[in-house]
Amino acid sequence: MAAVTLSVSTVKPLGDRVFVKVSAAEEKTAGGILLPDNAKEKPQIGEIVSVGPGKRNDDGSRQEPEVKVGDKVLYSKYAGTDVKLGNEEYVLLSEKDILAVVS
C-alpha cells in the first residue's frame, strides 16, 4: 500500500463542507487555575482554511457557501470529523454545523 502525505493544501472539501483549523484550548480558568490535559474541553472556535464549492440545489445549480477562507467561526461541539495533520488539529464540517462567524 502506498503512503499518502496530506497537507492543508492537498485537502479540498466537497459539497458544502469546510476545513477548519481548531483554535488552541484554554490553558487555565478565568480564576487562574491551570487545567490538566484531561480536563480541557474541545475548542469550538476555529479559522476556515478551505471551503468546498457549495451545496447542490435540486435544479443542479450550486448554492454559494456563506463563509470564506479566513473567517473565524463558532461550530457545534460534537460536529464534524477531527483530522490531525502534523502538529495541527483540524475539523472537517458541514456548513450547517457552523453556528456563527466570530469577528
N, C-alpha and C. Protein backbone atom coordinates (compact mmCIF):
# COMPACT_ATOMS: atom_id res chain seq x y z
N MET A 1 0.85 -1.17 0.00
CA MET A 1 0.00 0.00 0.00
C MET A 1 0.90 1.23 0.00
N ALA A 2 0.57 2.21 -0.81
CA ALA A 2 1.36 3.43 -0.91
C ALA A 2 0.98 4.39 0.22
N ALA A 3 1.98 5.07 0.73
CA ALA A 3 1.74 6.05 1.79
C ALA A 3 1.27 7.35 1.16
N VAL A 4 0.31 7.99 1.80
CA VAL A 4 -0.22 9.26 1.32
C VAL A 4 0.13 10.34 2.33
N THR A 5 0.75 11.39 1.86
CA THR A 5 1.08 12.52 2.73
C THR A 5 0.05 13.61 2.51
N LEU A 6 -0.64 13.98 3.58
CA LEU A 6 -1.66 15.01 3.49
C LEU A 6 -1.14 16.32 4.05
N SER A 7 -1.56 17.40 3.45
CA SER A 7 -1.30 18.74 3.98
C SER A 7 -2.55 19.56 3.74
N VAL A 8 -2.58 20.73 4.32
CA VAL A 8 -3.76 21.59 4.18
C VAL A 8 -4.02 21.91 2.72
N SER A 9 -2.97 22.09 1.95
CA SER A 9 -3.14 22.45 0.54
C SER A 9 -3.66 21.29 -0.31
N THR A 10 -3.51 20.05 0.16
CA THR A 10 -3.98 18.90 -0.62
C THR A 10 -5.39 18.46 -0.23
N VAL A 11 -5.95 19.00 0.84
CA VAL A 11 -7.29 18.63 1.28
C VAL A 11 -8.29 19.63 0.71
N LYS A 12 -9.20 19.16 -0.15
CA LYS A 12 -10.22 20.01 -0.76
C LYS A 12 -11.59 19.47 -0.37
N PRO A 13 -12.34 20.19 0.48
CA PRO A 13 -13.67 19.72 0.89
C PRO A 13 -14.63 19.64 -0.29
N LEU A 14 -15.56 18.72 -0.22
CA LEU A 14 -16.58 18.55 -1.25
C LEU A 14 -17.90 19.13 -0.79
N GLY A 15 -18.73 19.51 -1.73
CA GLY A 15 -20.08 20.00 -1.42
C GLY A 15 -20.07 21.21 -0.52
N ASP A 16 -20.87 21.16 0.56
CA ASP A 16 -20.98 22.30 1.46
C ASP A 16 -20.09 22.15 2.69
N ARG A 17 -19.02 21.38 2.57
CA ARG A 17 -18.14 21.16 3.71
C ARG A 17 -17.02 22.21 3.75
N VAL A 18 -16.53 22.45 4.97
CA VAL A 18 -15.42 23.39 5.19
C VAL A 18 -14.37 22.71 6.06
N PHE A 19 -13.12 23.12 5.89
CA PHE A 19 -11.99 22.59 6.64
C PHE A 19 -11.55 23.69 7.60
N VAL A 20 -11.61 23.41 8.90
CA VAL A 20 -11.39 24.43 9.93
C VAL A 20 -10.18 24.07 10.78
N LYS A 21 -9.27 25.04 10.98
CA LYS A 21 -8.14 24.87 11.89
C LYS A 21 -8.64 25.20 13.28
N VAL A 22 -8.51 24.25 14.21
CA VAL A 22 -9.03 24.40 15.56
C VAL A 22 -8.14 25.36 16.36
N SER A 23 -8.77 26.27 17.10
CA SER A 23 -8.03 27.19 17.98
C SER A 23 -7.51 26.41 19.18
N ALA A 24 -6.48 26.94 19.81
CA ALA A 24 -5.88 26.28 20.97
C ALA A 24 -6.86 26.25 22.14
N ALA A 25 -6.81 25.17 22.93
CA ALA A 25 -7.67 25.04 24.10
C ALA A 25 -7.18 25.96 25.21
N GLU A 26 -8.09 26.35 26.07
CA GLU A 26 -7.73 27.21 27.20
C GLU A 26 -6.80 26.46 28.15
N GLU A 27 -5.72 27.13 28.55
CA GLU A 27 -4.73 26.53 29.44
C GLU A 27 -5.12 26.68 30.91
N LYS A 28 -5.86 27.78 31.24
CA LYS A 28 -6.27 27.99 32.62
C LYS A 28 -7.64 28.64 32.67
N THR A 29 -8.27 28.56 33.83
CA THR A 29 -9.61 29.12 34.01
C THR A 29 -9.52 30.63 34.20
N ALA A 30 -10.68 31.28 34.25
CA ALA A 30 -10.72 32.72 34.47
C ALA A 30 -10.14 33.10 35.82
N GLY A 31 -10.21 32.18 36.79
CA GLY A 31 -9.66 32.42 38.12
C GLY A 31 -8.18 32.16 38.22
N GLY A 32 -7.56 31.66 37.13
CA GLY A 32 -6.12 31.44 37.12
C GLY A 32 -5.68 30.03 37.44
N ILE A 33 -6.61 29.09 37.56
CA ILE A 33 -6.26 27.70 37.85
C ILE A 33 -5.81 27.02 36.56
N LEU A 34 -4.64 26.39 36.58
CA LEU A 34 -4.13 25.67 35.41
C LEU A 34 -4.92 24.37 35.22
N LEU A 35 -5.29 24.10 33.99
CA LEU A 35 -6.07 22.90 33.68
C LEU A 35 -5.15 21.78 33.17
N PRO A 36 -5.30 20.56 33.69
CA PRO A 36 -4.55 19.43 33.12
C PRO A 36 -5.13 19.05 31.76
N ASP A 37 -4.37 18.31 30.96
CA ASP A 37 -4.80 17.95 29.61
C ASP A 37 -6.15 17.24 29.58
N ASN A 38 -6.41 16.36 30.55
CA ASN A 38 -7.67 15.60 30.52
C ASN A 38 -8.88 16.43 30.95
N ALA A 39 -8.68 17.63 31.49
CA ALA A 39 -9.79 18.48 31.91
C ALA A 39 -10.13 19.55 30.89
N LYS A 40 -9.31 19.70 29.87
CA LYS A 40 -9.56 20.72 28.86
C LYS A 40 -10.70 20.30 27.95
N GLU A 41 -11.57 21.26 27.63
CA GLU A 41 -12.68 20.98 26.72
C GLU A 41 -12.23 21.19 25.29
N LYS A 42 -12.89 20.48 24.39
CA LYS A 42 -12.60 20.63 22.96
C LYS A 42 -13.03 22.03 22.53
N PRO A 43 -12.12 22.79 21.91
CA PRO A 43 -12.49 24.13 21.45
C PRO A 43 -13.58 24.07 20.39
N GLN A 44 -14.40 25.11 20.34
CA GLN A 44 -15.48 25.19 19.36
C GLN A 44 -15.28 26.36 18.41
N ILE A 45 -14.11 26.98 18.46
CA ILE A 45 -13.81 28.11 17.58
C ILE A 45 -12.61 27.75 16.73
N GLY A 46 -12.66 28.13 15.46
CA GLY A 46 -11.55 27.87 14.57
C GLY A 46 -11.57 28.80 13.38
N GLU A 47 -10.52 28.68 12.56
CA GLU A 47 -10.39 29.51 11.37
C GLU A 47 -10.54 28.63 10.14
N ILE A 48 -11.34 29.07 9.19
CA ILE A 48 -11.57 28.30 7.97
C ILE A 48 -10.34 28.39 7.08
N VAL A 49 -9.83 27.21 6.67
CA VAL A 49 -8.65 27.17 5.80
C VAL A 49 -8.99 26.70 4.39
N SER A 50 -10.15 26.07 4.20
CA SER A 50 -10.57 25.63 2.88
C SER A 50 -12.09 25.46 2.86
N VAL A 51 -12.70 25.82 1.73
CA VAL A 51 -14.16 25.76 1.58
C VAL A 51 -14.50 24.98 0.32
N GLY A 52 -15.51 24.13 0.41
CA GLY A 52 -15.98 23.38 -0.75
C GLY A 52 -16.73 24.28 -1.72
N PRO A 53 -17.12 23.75 -2.88
CA PRO A 53 -17.78 24.55 -3.90
C PRO A 53 -19.21 24.97 -3.55
N GLY A 54 -19.83 24.33 -2.58
CA GLY A 54 -21.19 24.70 -2.19
C GLY A 54 -22.16 23.55 -2.38
N LYS A 55 -23.30 23.68 -1.75
CA LYS A 55 -24.35 22.67 -1.80
C LYS A 55 -25.02 22.69 -3.17
N ARG A 56 -25.32 21.51 -3.68
CA ARG A 56 -26.01 21.41 -4.96
C ARG A 56 -27.52 21.47 -4.72
N ASN A 57 -28.19 22.36 -5.45
CA ASN A 57 -29.64 22.52 -5.35
C ASN A 57 -30.34 21.44 -6.17
N ASP A 58 -31.67 21.37 -6.04
CA ASP A 58 -32.46 20.38 -6.77
C ASP A 58 -32.35 20.54 -8.28
N ASP A 59 -32.18 21.78 -8.76
CA ASP A 59 -32.08 22.01 -10.20
C ASP A 59 -30.65 21.80 -10.74
N GLY A 60 -29.72 21.42 -9.87
CA GLY A 60 -28.35 21.14 -10.30
C GLY A 60 -27.38 22.29 -10.13
N SER A 61 -27.91 23.47 -9.81
CA SER A 61 -27.01 24.62 -9.61
C SER A 61 -26.38 24.54 -8.22
N ARG A 62 -25.34 25.31 -8.02
CA ARG A 62 -24.64 25.32 -6.72
C ARG A 62 -25.06 26.54 -5.91
N GLN A 63 -25.24 26.33 -4.61
CA GLN A 63 -25.53 27.42 -3.69
C GLN A 63 -24.20 27.84 -3.06
N GLU A 64 -23.82 29.10 -3.22
CA GLU A 64 -22.55 29.60 -2.70
C GLU A 64 -22.49 29.46 -1.18
N PRO A 65 -21.35 29.04 -0.63
CA PRO A 65 -21.21 28.98 0.83
C PRO A 65 -21.27 30.38 1.44
N GLU A 66 -21.80 30.48 2.66
CA GLU A 66 -21.90 31.78 3.33
C GLU A 66 -20.59 32.19 3.98
N VAL A 67 -19.67 31.24 4.16
CA VAL A 67 -18.38 31.53 4.80
C VAL A 67 -17.28 31.48 3.76
N LYS A 68 -16.13 32.08 4.11
CA LYS A 68 -14.99 32.08 3.20
C LYS A 68 -13.71 31.78 3.97
N VAL A 69 -12.65 31.50 3.25
CA VAL A 69 -11.36 31.22 3.86
C VAL A 69 -10.92 32.43 4.68
N GLY A 70 -10.47 32.17 5.90
CA GLY A 70 -10.01 33.24 6.78
C GLY A 70 -11.02 33.63 7.84
N ASP A 71 -12.31 33.24 7.68
CA ASP A 71 -13.33 33.56 8.68
C ASP A 71 -13.07 32.76 9.96
N LYS A 72 -13.25 33.41 11.13
CA LYS A 72 -13.24 32.70 12.41
C LYS A 72 -14.68 32.31 12.69
N VAL A 73 -14.90 31.04 13.01
CA VAL A 73 -16.26 30.55 13.18
C VAL A 73 -16.43 29.81 14.50
N LEU A 74 -17.66 29.80 14.97
CA LEU A 74 -18.08 29.02 16.13
C LEU A 74 -18.90 27.86 15.59
N TYR A 75 -18.53 26.63 15.97
CA TYR A 75 -19.23 25.47 15.43
C TYR A 75 -19.75 24.57 16.54
N SER A 76 -20.66 23.66 16.21
CA SER A 76 -21.26 22.75 17.18
C SER A 76 -20.20 21.89 17.85
N LYS A 77 -20.41 21.59 19.10
CA LYS A 77 -19.41 20.89 19.92
C LYS A 77 -19.05 19.51 19.39
N TYR A 78 -20.01 18.73 18.99
CA TYR A 78 -19.74 17.35 18.57
C TYR A 78 -19.85 17.17 17.06
N ALA A 79 -19.75 18.24 16.31
CA ALA A 79 -19.90 18.18 14.85
C ALA A 79 -18.58 17.88 14.18
N GLY A 80 -18.68 17.33 12.99
CA GLY A 80 -17.52 17.19 12.13
C GLY A 80 -16.63 15.99 12.42
N THR A 81 -15.59 15.89 11.61
CA THR A 81 -14.60 14.83 11.72
C THR A 81 -13.27 15.45 12.07
N ASP A 82 -12.67 14.98 13.17
CA ASP A 82 -11.38 15.51 13.60
C ASP A 82 -10.27 14.93 12.73
N VAL A 83 -9.35 15.81 12.29
CA VAL A 83 -8.22 15.42 11.45
C VAL A 83 -6.98 16.07 12.03
N LYS A 84 -5.89 15.29 12.16
CA LYS A 84 -4.64 15.84 12.64
C LYS A 84 -3.61 15.76 11.53
N LEU A 85 -3.08 16.91 11.11
CA LEU A 85 -2.06 16.99 10.08
C LEU A 85 -0.82 17.61 10.71
N GLY A 86 0.23 16.82 10.87
CA GLY A 86 1.43 17.30 11.55
C GLY A 86 1.09 17.52 13.01
N ASN A 87 1.39 18.71 13.52
CA ASN A 87 1.08 19.05 14.91
C ASN A 87 -0.21 19.84 15.04
N GLU A 88 -0.85 20.13 13.93
CA GLU A 88 -2.06 20.96 13.93
C GLU A 88 -3.31 20.08 13.91
N GLU A 89 -4.37 20.57 14.57
CA GLU A 89 -5.65 19.87 14.58
C GLU A 89 -6.66 20.63 13.72
N TYR A 90 -7.43 19.88 12.95
CA TYR A 90 -8.44 20.43 12.05
C TYR A 90 -9.74 19.68 12.24
N VAL A 91 -10.84 20.29 11.77
CA VAL A 91 -12.15 19.66 11.78
C VAL A 91 -12.75 19.85 10.39
N LEU A 92 -13.27 18.77 9.82
CA LEU A 92 -13.98 18.84 8.56
C LEU A 92 -15.46 18.88 8.90
N LEU A 93 -16.12 20.00 8.59
CA LEU A 93 -17.50 20.26 8.99
C LEU A 93 -18.40 20.47 7.79
N SER A 94 -19.67 20.19 7.97
CA SER A 94 -20.68 20.62 7.02
C SER A 94 -21.03 22.07 7.37
N GLU A 95 -21.37 22.87 6.38
CA GLU A 95 -21.66 24.27 6.63
C GLU A 95 -22.81 24.46 7.62
N LYS A 96 -23.75 23.53 7.66
CA LYS A 96 -24.88 23.65 8.58
C LYS A 96 -24.47 23.52 10.04
N ASP A 97 -23.28 22.96 10.31
CA ASP A 97 -22.79 22.82 11.68
C ASP A 97 -22.11 24.09 12.21
N ILE A 98 -21.93 25.08 11.33
CA ILE A 98 -21.35 26.34 11.76
C ILE A 98 -22.46 27.20 12.34
N LEU A 99 -22.25 27.66 13.57
CA LEU A 99 -23.28 28.42 14.27
C LEU A 99 -23.17 29.92 14.05
N ALA A 100 -21.94 30.44 13.95
CA ALA A 100 -21.76 31.87 13.81
C ALA A 100 -20.37 32.20 13.29
N VAL A 101 -20.24 33.37 12.67
CA VAL A 101 -18.94 33.91 12.29
C VAL A 101 -18.55 34.88 13.39
N VAL A 102 -17.33 34.68 13.94
CA VAL A 102 -16.84 35.49 15.06
C VAL A 102 -15.92 36.57 14.50
N SER A 103 -16.16 37.82 14.92
CA SER A 103 -15.31 38.91 14.42
C SER A 103 -14.34 39.38 15.48
